Amino acid sequence: MSVSVGKFRPFAEGLIGASHVNVKGGSSDTSFASALGGGIDYKLIPAVAWRLQGDYVQTRFFNTTQNNLQLATGIVIRF
């Protein structure tokens, strides 16, 4: 759920699940993965907005923790 503030609609998200990797040469691993983030939608016209989003993504492959930042932008169509 999100609430609009004028032409802006901020949002937050949290995701949990599994992640899998295959390494060339035969090794593979499946582990817990999580992502926390959020962003903002800017309304262009009633059903179309421009989205800016950032997420912190963490995985744990081969007993090593990877911490990553994911940035995205794009068009949102609401119907």
N, C-alpha and C. Protein backbone atom coordinates (compact mmCIF):
# COMPACT_ATOMS: atom_id res chain seq x y z
N MET A 1 0.84 -1.18 0.00
CA MET A 1 0.00 0.00 0.00
C MET A 1 0.88 1.23 0.00
N SER A 2 0.46 2.27 -0.71
CA SER A 2 1.18 3.53 -0.72
C SER A 2 0.17 4.67 -0.76
N VAL A 3 0.66 5.86 -0.44
CA VAL A 3 -0.19 7.03 -0.39
C VAL A 3 0.43 8.11 -1.26
N SER A 4 -0.37 8.73 -2.12
CA SER A 4 0.13 9.79 -2.98
C SER A 4 0.23 11.10 -2.21
N VAL A 5 1.31 11.85 -2.53
CA VAL A 5 1.52 13.20 -1.99
C VAL A 5 1.72 14.10 -3.21
N GLY A 6 0.63 14.70 -3.66
CA GLY A 6 0.69 15.48 -4.90
C GLY A 6 0.94 14.53 -6.07
N LYS A 7 1.99 14.81 -6.87
CA LYS A 7 2.34 13.94 -8.00
C LYS A 7 3.27 12.81 -7.59
N PHE A 8 3.68 12.76 -6.33
CA PHE A 8 4.65 11.76 -5.86
C PHE A 8 3.95 10.66 -5.07
N ARG A 9 4.43 9.42 -5.23
CA ARG A 9 3.92 8.28 -4.46
C ARG A 9 5.11 7.47 -3.97
N PRO A 10 5.58 7.70 -2.73
CA PRO A 10 6.69 6.91 -2.19
C PRO A 10 6.21 5.51 -1.81
N PHE A 11 7.15 4.54 -1.79
CA PHE A 11 6.81 3.17 -1.42
C PHE A 11 8.02 2.49 -0.81
N ALA A 12 7.76 1.43 -0.06
CA ALA A 12 8.82 0.60 0.53
C ALA A 12 8.48 -0.86 0.25
N GLU A 13 9.51 -1.71 0.25
CA GLU A 13 9.28 -3.13 -0.02
C GLU A 13 10.30 -3.98 0.72
N GLY A 14 9.92 -5.21 1.00
CA GLY A 14 10.80 -6.21 1.57
C GLY A 14 10.53 -7.56 0.93
N LEU A 15 11.58 -8.24 0.52
CA LEU A 15 11.43 -9.53 -0.14
C LEU A 15 12.34 -10.55 0.53
N ILE A 16 11.87 -11.79 0.65
CA ILE A 16 12.71 -12.88 1.14
C ILE A 16 12.46 -14.09 0.24
N GLY A 17 13.47 -14.93 0.12
CA GLY A 17 13.30 -16.11 -0.72
C GLY A 17 14.59 -16.88 -0.86
N ALA A 18 14.67 -17.65 -1.93
CA ALA A 18 15.85 -18.47 -2.21
C ALA A 18 16.54 -17.96 -3.47
N SER A 19 17.84 -18.18 -3.51
CA SER A 19 18.64 -17.80 -4.67
C SER A 19 19.54 -18.97 -5.04
N HIS A 20 19.80 -19.15 -6.33
CA HIS A 20 20.60 -20.28 -6.79
C HIS A 20 21.66 -19.79 -7.76
N VAL A 21 22.86 -20.39 -7.68
CA VAL A 21 23.96 -20.04 -8.59
C VAL A 21 24.62 -21.32 -9.10
N ASN A 22 24.97 -21.31 -10.38
CA ASN A 22 25.78 -22.38 -10.99
C ASN A 22 27.09 -21.76 -11.43
N VAL A 23 28.20 -22.32 -10.99
CA VAL A 23 29.52 -21.83 -11.37
C VAL A 23 30.06 -22.73 -12.47
N LYS A 24 30.61 -22.11 -13.51
CA LYS A 24 31.19 -22.89 -14.61
C LYS A 24 32.25 -23.82 -14.05
N GLY A 25 32.15 -25.08 -14.34
CA GLY A 25 33.06 -26.07 -13.80
C GLY A 25 32.36 -27.05 -12.87
N GLY A 26 31.03 -26.89 -12.65
CA GLY A 26 30.28 -27.89 -11.93
C GLY A 26 29.80 -27.55 -10.55
N SER A 27 30.26 -26.50 -9.91
CA SER A 27 29.85 -26.16 -8.56
C SER A 27 28.54 -25.36 -8.57
N SER A 28 27.65 -25.63 -7.60
CA SER A 28 26.41 -24.85 -7.49
C SER A 28 26.04 -24.72 -6.02
N ASP A 29 25.17 -23.73 -5.71
CA ASP A 29 24.74 -23.49 -4.34
C ASP A 29 23.37 -22.84 -4.36
N THR A 30 22.55 -23.16 -3.38
CA THR A 30 21.26 -22.51 -3.17
C THR A 30 21.25 -21.96 -1.76
N SER A 31 20.78 -20.72 -1.59
CA SER A 31 20.82 -20.11 -0.27
C SER A 31 19.66 -19.14 -0.06
N PHE A 32 19.54 -18.65 1.15
CA PHE A 32 18.57 -17.64 1.53
C PHE A 32 18.97 -16.31 0.87
N ALA A 33 17.99 -15.54 0.42
CA ALA A 33 18.23 -14.22 -0.15
C ALA A 33 17.19 -13.25 0.40
N SER A 34 17.58 -11.98 0.53
CA SER A 34 16.65 -10.97 0.99
C SER A 34 16.94 -9.64 0.29
N ALA A 35 15.90 -8.83 0.21
CA ALA A 35 16.04 -7.49 -0.38
C ALA A 35 15.15 -6.52 0.39
N LEU A 36 15.68 -5.36 0.69
CA LEU A 36 14.94 -4.27 1.32
C LEU A 36 15.15 -3.02 0.48
N GLY A 37 14.10 -2.28 0.27
CA GLY A 37 14.27 -1.08 -0.53
C GLY A 37 13.01 -0.26 -0.62
N GLY A 38 13.04 0.63 -1.59
CA GLY A 38 11.90 1.50 -1.80
C GLY A 38 12.18 2.45 -2.94
N GLY A 39 11.30 3.39 -3.10
CA GLY A 39 11.48 4.34 -4.17
C GLY A 39 10.33 5.33 -4.21
N ILE A 40 10.21 5.96 -5.37
CA ILE A 40 9.19 6.96 -5.54
C ILE A 40 8.68 6.92 -6.98
N ASP A 41 7.36 7.06 -7.13
CA ASP A 41 6.73 7.18 -8.44
C ASP A 41 6.33 8.64 -8.63
N TYR A 42 6.60 9.18 -9.84
CA TYR A 42 6.20 10.53 -10.19
C TYR A 42 5.12 10.45 -11.27
N LYS A 43 3.90 10.92 -10.97
CA LYS A 43 2.78 10.81 -11.89
C LYS A 43 2.99 11.73 -13.10
N LEU A 44 2.99 11.13 -14.30
CA LEU A 44 3.11 11.89 -15.53
C LEU A 44 1.72 12.27 -16.07
N ILE A 45 0.84 11.27 -16.16
CA ILE A 45 -0.57 11.44 -16.52
C ILE A 45 -1.35 10.49 -15.62
N PRO A 46 -2.68 10.54 -15.58
CA PRO A 46 -3.43 9.74 -14.60
C PRO A 46 -3.04 8.27 -14.45
N ALA A 47 -2.74 7.55 -15.52
CA ALA A 47 -2.45 6.12 -15.40
C ALA A 47 -0.97 5.77 -15.61
N VAL A 48 -0.11 6.78 -15.77
CA VAL A 48 1.31 6.53 -16.08
C VAL A 48 2.20 7.33 -15.14
N ALA A 49 3.23 6.66 -14.60
CA ALA A 49 4.18 7.31 -13.70
C ALA A 49 5.61 6.88 -14.06
N TRP A 50 6.57 7.68 -13.62
CA TRP A 50 7.98 7.36 -13.78
C TRP A 50 8.50 6.90 -12.42
N ARG A 51 9.15 5.74 -12.34
CA ARG A 51 9.60 5.16 -11.08
C ARG A 51 11.12 5.23 -10.94
N LEU A 52 11.58 5.64 -9.75
CA LEU A 52 12.98 5.54 -9.33
C LEU A 52 12.99 4.62 -8.12
N GLN A 53 13.84 3.59 -8.13
CA GLN A 53 13.81 2.57 -7.09
C GLN A 53 15.23 2.15 -6.73
N GLY A 54 15.45 1.86 -5.44
CA GLY A 54 16.72 1.34 -4.97
C GLY A 54 16.49 0.21 -3.98
N ASP A 55 17.32 -0.83 -4.06
CA ASP A 55 17.19 -1.99 -3.17
C ASP A 55 18.56 -2.44 -2.67
N TYR A 56 18.61 -2.87 -1.42
CA TYR A 56 19.77 -3.52 -0.84
C TYR A 56 19.49 -5.02 -0.91
N VAL A 57 20.33 -5.77 -1.63
CA VAL A 57 20.12 -7.21 -1.86
C VAL A 57 21.25 -7.99 -1.20
N GLN A 58 20.90 -9.01 -0.42
CA GLN A 58 21.90 -9.84 0.26
C GLN A 58 21.69 -11.31 -0.07
N THR A 59 22.78 -12.00 -0.44
CA THR A 59 22.76 -13.44 -0.67
C THR A 59 23.92 -14.06 0.11
N ARG A 60 23.86 -15.39 0.28
CA ARG A 60 24.90 -16.10 1.04
C ARG A 60 25.29 -17.37 0.28
N PHE A 61 26.18 -17.23 -0.70
CA PHE A 61 26.64 -18.37 -1.48
C PHE A 61 28.01 -18.85 -1.00
N PHE A 62 28.19 -20.17 -0.95
CA PHE A 62 29.47 -20.79 -0.61
C PHE A 62 30.05 -20.23 0.70
N ASN A 63 29.19 -20.08 1.73
CA ASN A 63 29.57 -19.58 3.05
C ASN A 63 30.14 -18.17 3.03
N THR A 64 29.79 -17.39 2.03
CA THR A 64 30.22 -16.00 1.93
C THR A 64 28.99 -15.13 1.69
N THR A 65 28.90 -14.01 2.41
CA THR A 65 27.77 -13.10 2.26
C THR A 65 28.09 -12.04 1.21
N GLN A 66 27.17 -11.86 0.28
CA GLN A 66 27.31 -10.81 -0.73
C GLN A 66 26.27 -9.72 -0.44
N ASN A 67 26.73 -8.47 -0.40
CA ASN A 67 25.86 -7.31 -0.18
C ASN A 67 25.89 -6.46 -1.45
N ASN A 68 24.73 -6.20 -2.03
CA ASN A 68 24.67 -5.49 -3.29
C ASN A 68 23.62 -4.39 -3.26
N LEU A 69 23.84 -3.36 -4.07
CA LEU A 69 22.88 -2.29 -4.26
C LEU A 69 22.33 -2.40 -5.66
N GLN A 70 21.02 -2.34 -5.78
CA GLN A 70 20.35 -2.43 -7.08
C GLN A 70 19.55 -1.15 -7.30
N LEU A 71 19.80 -0.47 -8.40
CA LEU A 71 19.07 0.75 -8.74
C LEU A 71 18.31 0.51 -10.04
N ALA A 72 17.10 1.06 -10.12
CA ALA A 72 16.28 0.86 -11.32
C ALA A 72 15.41 2.09 -11.57
N THR A 73 15.04 2.27 -12.82
CA THR A 73 14.10 3.29 -13.22
C THR A 73 13.24 2.75 -14.35
N GLY A 74 12.05 3.27 -14.51
CA GLY A 74 11.19 2.79 -15.57
C GLY A 74 9.82 3.41 -15.51
N ILE A 75 8.97 2.99 -16.42
CA ILE A 75 7.61 3.49 -16.52
C ILE A 75 6.65 2.54 -15.80
N VAL A 76 5.71 3.10 -15.03
CA VAL A 76 4.68 2.32 -14.33
C VAL A 76 3.35 2.64 -14.99
N ILE A 77 2.60 1.61 -15.33
CA ILE A 77 1.26 1.78 -15.89
C ILE A 77 0.26 1.18 -14.91
N ARG A 78 -0.66 2.00 -14.44
CA ARG A 78 -1.67 1.56 -13.49
C ARG A 78 -3.00 1.38 -14.21
N PHE A 79 -3.68 0.26 -13.92
CA PHE A 79 -5.00 0.03 -14.50
C PHE A 79 -5.86 -0.72 -13.53
